[in-house]
Protein backbone atom coordinates (compact mmCIF):
# COMPACT_ATOMS: atom_id res chain seq x y z
CA UNK A 1 12.13 22.16 -20.45
CA UNK A 2 13.55 18.73 -21.28
CA UNK A 3 14.47 16.23 -18.63
CA UNK A 4 17.86 14.71 -19.10
CA UNK A 5 18.22 10.99 -18.47
CA UNK A 6 20.92 10.34 -15.89
CA UNK A 7 22.33 6.84 -15.88
CA UNK A 8 23.00 5.72 -12.32
CA UNK A 9 25.10 2.79 -11.13
CA UNK A 10 21.89 1.30 -9.65
CA UNK A 11 20.35 1.25 -13.15
CA UNK A 12 23.35 -0.61 -14.55
CA UNK A 13 23.31 -3.11 -11.67
CA UNK A 14 19.55 -3.70 -11.98
CA UNK A 15 19.88 -4.16 -15.73
CA UNK A 16 22.69 -6.69 -15.33
CA UNK A 17 20.88 -8.60 -12.56
CA UNK A 18 17.54 -8.68 -14.36
CA UNK A 19 19.43 -9.67 -17.51
CA UNK A 20 20.87 -12.63 -15.61
CA UNK A 21 17.40 -13.60 -14.35
CA UNK A 22 16.01 -13.36 -17.87
CA UNK A 23 18.91 -15.45 -19.20
CA UNK A 24 18.23 -18.12 -16.55
CA UNK A 25 14.47 -18.18 -17.21
CA UNK A 26 13.11 -21.39 -18.68
CA UNK A 27 10.94 -20.11 -21.51
CA UNK A 28 9.70 -17.04 -23.36
CA UNK A 29 6.72 -16.39 -21.08
CA UNK A 30 8.89 -16.40 -17.98
CA UNK A 31 11.44 -14.19 -19.77
CA UNK A 32 8.69 -11.78 -20.86
CA UNK A 33 7.31 -11.41 -17.35
CA UNK A 34 10.80 -10.81 -15.94
CA UNK A 35 11.45 -8.25 -18.68
CA UNK A 36 8.20 -6.45 -17.83
CA UNK A 37 9.19 -6.37 -14.18
CA UNK A 38 12.65 -5.05 -15.07
CA UNK A 39 11.15 -2.26 -17.18
CA UNK A 40 8.75 -1.29 -14.38
CA UNK A 41 11.64 -1.12 -11.92
CA UNK A 42 13.87 0.89 -14.24
CA UNK A 43 11.26 3.49 -15.25
CA UNK A 44 10.01 4.03 -11.70
CA UNK A 45 10.72 7.65 -10.83
CA UNK A 46 11.96 8.42 -14.36
CA UNK A 47 8.60 9.24 -15.92
CA UNK A 48 7.07 12.37 -14.38
CA UNK A 49 3.65 10.74 -13.90
CA UNK A 50 5.28 7.91 -11.94
CA UNK A 51 6.56 10.40 -9.37
CA UNK A 52 2.99 11.31 -8.35
CA UNK A 53 0.97 9.39 -5.74
CA UNK A 54 -1.31 7.96 -8.45
CA UNK A 55 1.66 7.09 -10.63
CA UNK A 56 3.47 5.31 -7.82
CA UNK A 57 0.27 3.46 -6.89
CA UNK A 58 -0.26 2.33 -10.48
CA UNK A 59 3.37 1.22 -10.67
CA UNK A 60 2.99 -0.87 -7.50
CA UNK A 61 -0.27 -2.43 -8.79
CA UNK A 62 1.35 -3.27 -12.14
CA UNK A 63 4.32 -4.83 -10.35
CA UNK A 64 1.97 -6.91 -8.19
CA UNK A 65 0.12 -8.12 -11.29
CA UNK A 66 3.31 -9.06 -13.14
CA UNK A 67 4.77 -10.84 -10.09
CA UNK A 68 1.46 -12.66 -9.52
CA UNK A 69 1.49 -13.88 -13.13
CA UNK A 70 5.15 -14.89 -12.83
CA UNK A 71 4.55 -16.87 -9.64
CA UNK A 72 1.41 -18.43 -11.08
CA UNK A 73 3.18 -19.46 -14.24
CA UNK A 74 6.15 -20.93 -12.32
CA UNK A 75 4.49 -23.47 -10.03
CA UNK A 76 2.36 -21.16 -7.86
CA UNK A 77 2.82 -21.48 -4.11
CA UNK A 78 6.13 -23.37 -4.49
CA UNK A 79 7.56 -20.95 -7.08
CA UNK A 80 11.14 -19.85 -6.62
CA UNK A 81 10.01 -16.38 -7.67
CA UNK A 82 7.92 -15.70 -4.53
CA UNK A 83 10.66 -13.31 -3.34
CA UNK A 84 9.88 -11.07 -6.32
CA UNK A 85 6.92 -9.92 -4.23
CA UNK A 86 9.51 -7.82 -2.42
CA UNK A 87 9.80 -5.51 -5.43
CA UNK A 88 6.30 -3.98 -5.22
CA UNK A 89 6.51 -4.10 -1.42
CA UNK A 90 9.74 -2.09 -1.40
CA UNK A 91 8.29 0.38 -3.92
CA UNK A 92 5.19 0.86 -1.79
CA UNK A 93 7.22 1.11 1.41
CA UNK A 94 9.52 3.71 -0.15
CA UNK A 95 6.84 6.01 -1.51
CA UNK A 96 3.33 5.25 -0.25
CA UNK A 97 3.68 5.67 3.51
CA UNK A 98 2.70 3.22 6.22
CA UNK A 99 -0.91 2.84 5.06
CA UNK A 100 0.20 2.08 1.50
CA UNK A 101 2.84 -0.29 2.82
CA UNK A 102 0.34 -2.20 4.94
CA UNK A 103 -2.24 -2.33 2.14
CA UNK A 104 0.36 -3.56 -0.35
CA UNK A 105 1.66 -6.13 2.15
CA UNK A 106 -1.83 -7.50 2.70
CA UNK A 107 -2.54 -7.65 -1.04
CA UNK A 108 0.84 -9.27 -1.81
CA UNK A 109 0.50 -11.91 0.90
CA UNK A 110 -3.14 -12.60 -0.04
CA UNK A 111 -2.12 -12.94 -3.69
CA UNK A 112 0.64 -15.37 -2.76
CA UNK A 113 -1.64 -17.42 -0.53
CA UNK A 114 -4.32 -17.42 -3.24
CA UNK A 115 -2.27 -20.05 -5.04
CA UNK A 116 -3.39 -22.47 -2.34
CA UNK A 117 -6.77 -22.45 -4.14
CA UNK A 118 -5.14 -24.49 -6.89
CA UNK A 119 -3.94 -27.21 -4.54
CA UNK A 120 -6.15 -30.28 -4.47
CA UNK A 121 -6.18 -31.01 -0.76
CA UNK A 122 -7.83 -34.39 -1.42
CA UNK A 123 -4.67 -35.40 -3.26
CA UNK A 124 -2.03 -33.27 -1.54
CA UNK A 125 -1.23 -32.98 2.13
CA UNK A 126 0.82 -30.02 3.30
CA UNK A 127 2.78 -31.17 6.34
CA UNK A 128 3.03 -28.88 9.37
CA UNK A 129 6.67 -28.03 8.61
CA UNK A 130 5.71 -26.78 5.13
CA UNK A 131 2.83 -24.77 6.64
CA UNK A 132 5.38 -23.29 9.04
CA UNK A 133 7.65 -22.33 6.12
CA UNK A 134 4.70 -20.78 4.28
CA UNK A 135 3.86 -18.66 7.33
CA UNK A 136 7.51 -17.56 7.63
CA UNK A 137 7.58 -16.58 3.94
CA UNK A 138 4.53 -14.37 4.41
CA UNK A 139 5.80 -12.78 7.61
CA UNK A 140 9.22 -12.05 6.10
CA UNK A 141 7.55 -10.18 3.24
CA UNK A 142 5.57 -8.03 5.69
CA UNK A 143 8.57 -7.45 7.97
CA UNK A 144 10.74 -6.35 5.03
CA UNK A 145 8.06 -3.90 3.88
CA UNK A 146 7.67 -2.33 7.33
CA UNK A 147 11.45 -2.06 7.78
CA UNK A 148 11.90 -0.37 4.39
CA UNK A 149 9.05 1.99 5.24
CA UNK A 150 10.69 2.87 8.55
CA UNK A 151 14.02 3.46 6.86
CA UNK A 152 12.37 5.63 4.20
CA UNK A 153 10.54 7.66 6.87
CA UNK A 154 13.80 8.21 8.75
CA UNK A 155 15.58 9.32 5.57
CA UNK A 156 12.72 11.69 4.66
CA UNK A 157 12.75 13.17 8.17
CA UNK A 158 16.53 13.67 8.04
CA UNK A 159 16.24 15.28 4.59
CA UNK A 160 13.58 17.65 5.93
CA UNK A 161 15.91 18.63 8.79
CA UNK A 162 18.78 19.23 6.33
CA UNK A 163 16.51 21.33 4.14
CA UNK A 164 15.35 23.37 7.14
CA UNK A 165 18.95 23.92 8.24
CA UNK A 166 19.95 24.99 4.72
CA UNK A 167 17.04 27.46 4.61
CA UNK A 168 18.05 28.88 8.01
CA UNK A 169 21.65 29.22 6.85
CA UNK A 170 20.51 30.97 3.66
CA UNK A 171 18.37 33.39 5.70
CA UNK A 172 21.26 34.04 8.09
CA UNK A 173 23.57 34.62 5.12
CA UNK A 174 21.10 37.14 3.65
CA UNK A 175 20.92 38.94 7.00
CA UNK A 176 24.71 39.02 7.21
CA UNK A 177 24.97 40.40 3.66
CA UNK A 178 22.37 43.05 4.48
CA UNK A 179 24.25 44.02 7.66
CA UNK A 180 27.54 44.26 5.75
CA UNK A 181 25.89 46.44 3.11
CA UNK A 182 24.44 48.71 5.85
CA UNK A 183 27.87 49.04 7.46
CA UNK A 184 29.42 50.12 4.15
CA UNK A 185 26.97 52.97 3.78
C-alpha cells in the first residue's frame, strides 16, 4: 500500500519561514545547517520509521546535533540561533513523554552552556546581568518544553476520550441495529 503525501498549510509555512532564514543566513555553511534543520522538521512524521519511538528519538538527536553545530558556527553562547534549540525540544515534548522531554531539555541546555568552555575567562568577564540573561535563556527553553509536553498530554488524553466515546457509540449503534433486525422478524 502506498502512502500518499498530503501537503499541509503548516508545511508551506515552515518551508517559507525556513526559506527566509536560509536567505538571511550569512554564508553557505550557515545556509546548509538551516537547510538540514528544515528538512528534519519537514520529514518528521512523514517517513514511517520516524513515527516510531526510535525514529522520533533519532530525529530529536539529529536536530540537537544540527542546532549545536549552527550555534557553534555562529558565535557560540552569544549566537542569535540559540532559540533554534526549541525545535528539538518541541519535537521531544510532543512525542517522547515527560522523561524524554526532561532528558532532551537537560541535553539541550548542557549543549548550549558547553559553549562557555570556549570563553577565555582570563580575557573575558561575564557581568552578572549577562549571567542572569544566560540563566533566563536556559530556563525559558526548559519551561517551553514542559509546557508543550503538558499540552501534548492533554491533547492525547482528549483524543483517547473521543476515541472511547466513538467506540461506545459504534457499539450502541450495532446493538440498536440488532434490536431493529430482531423486531422485524
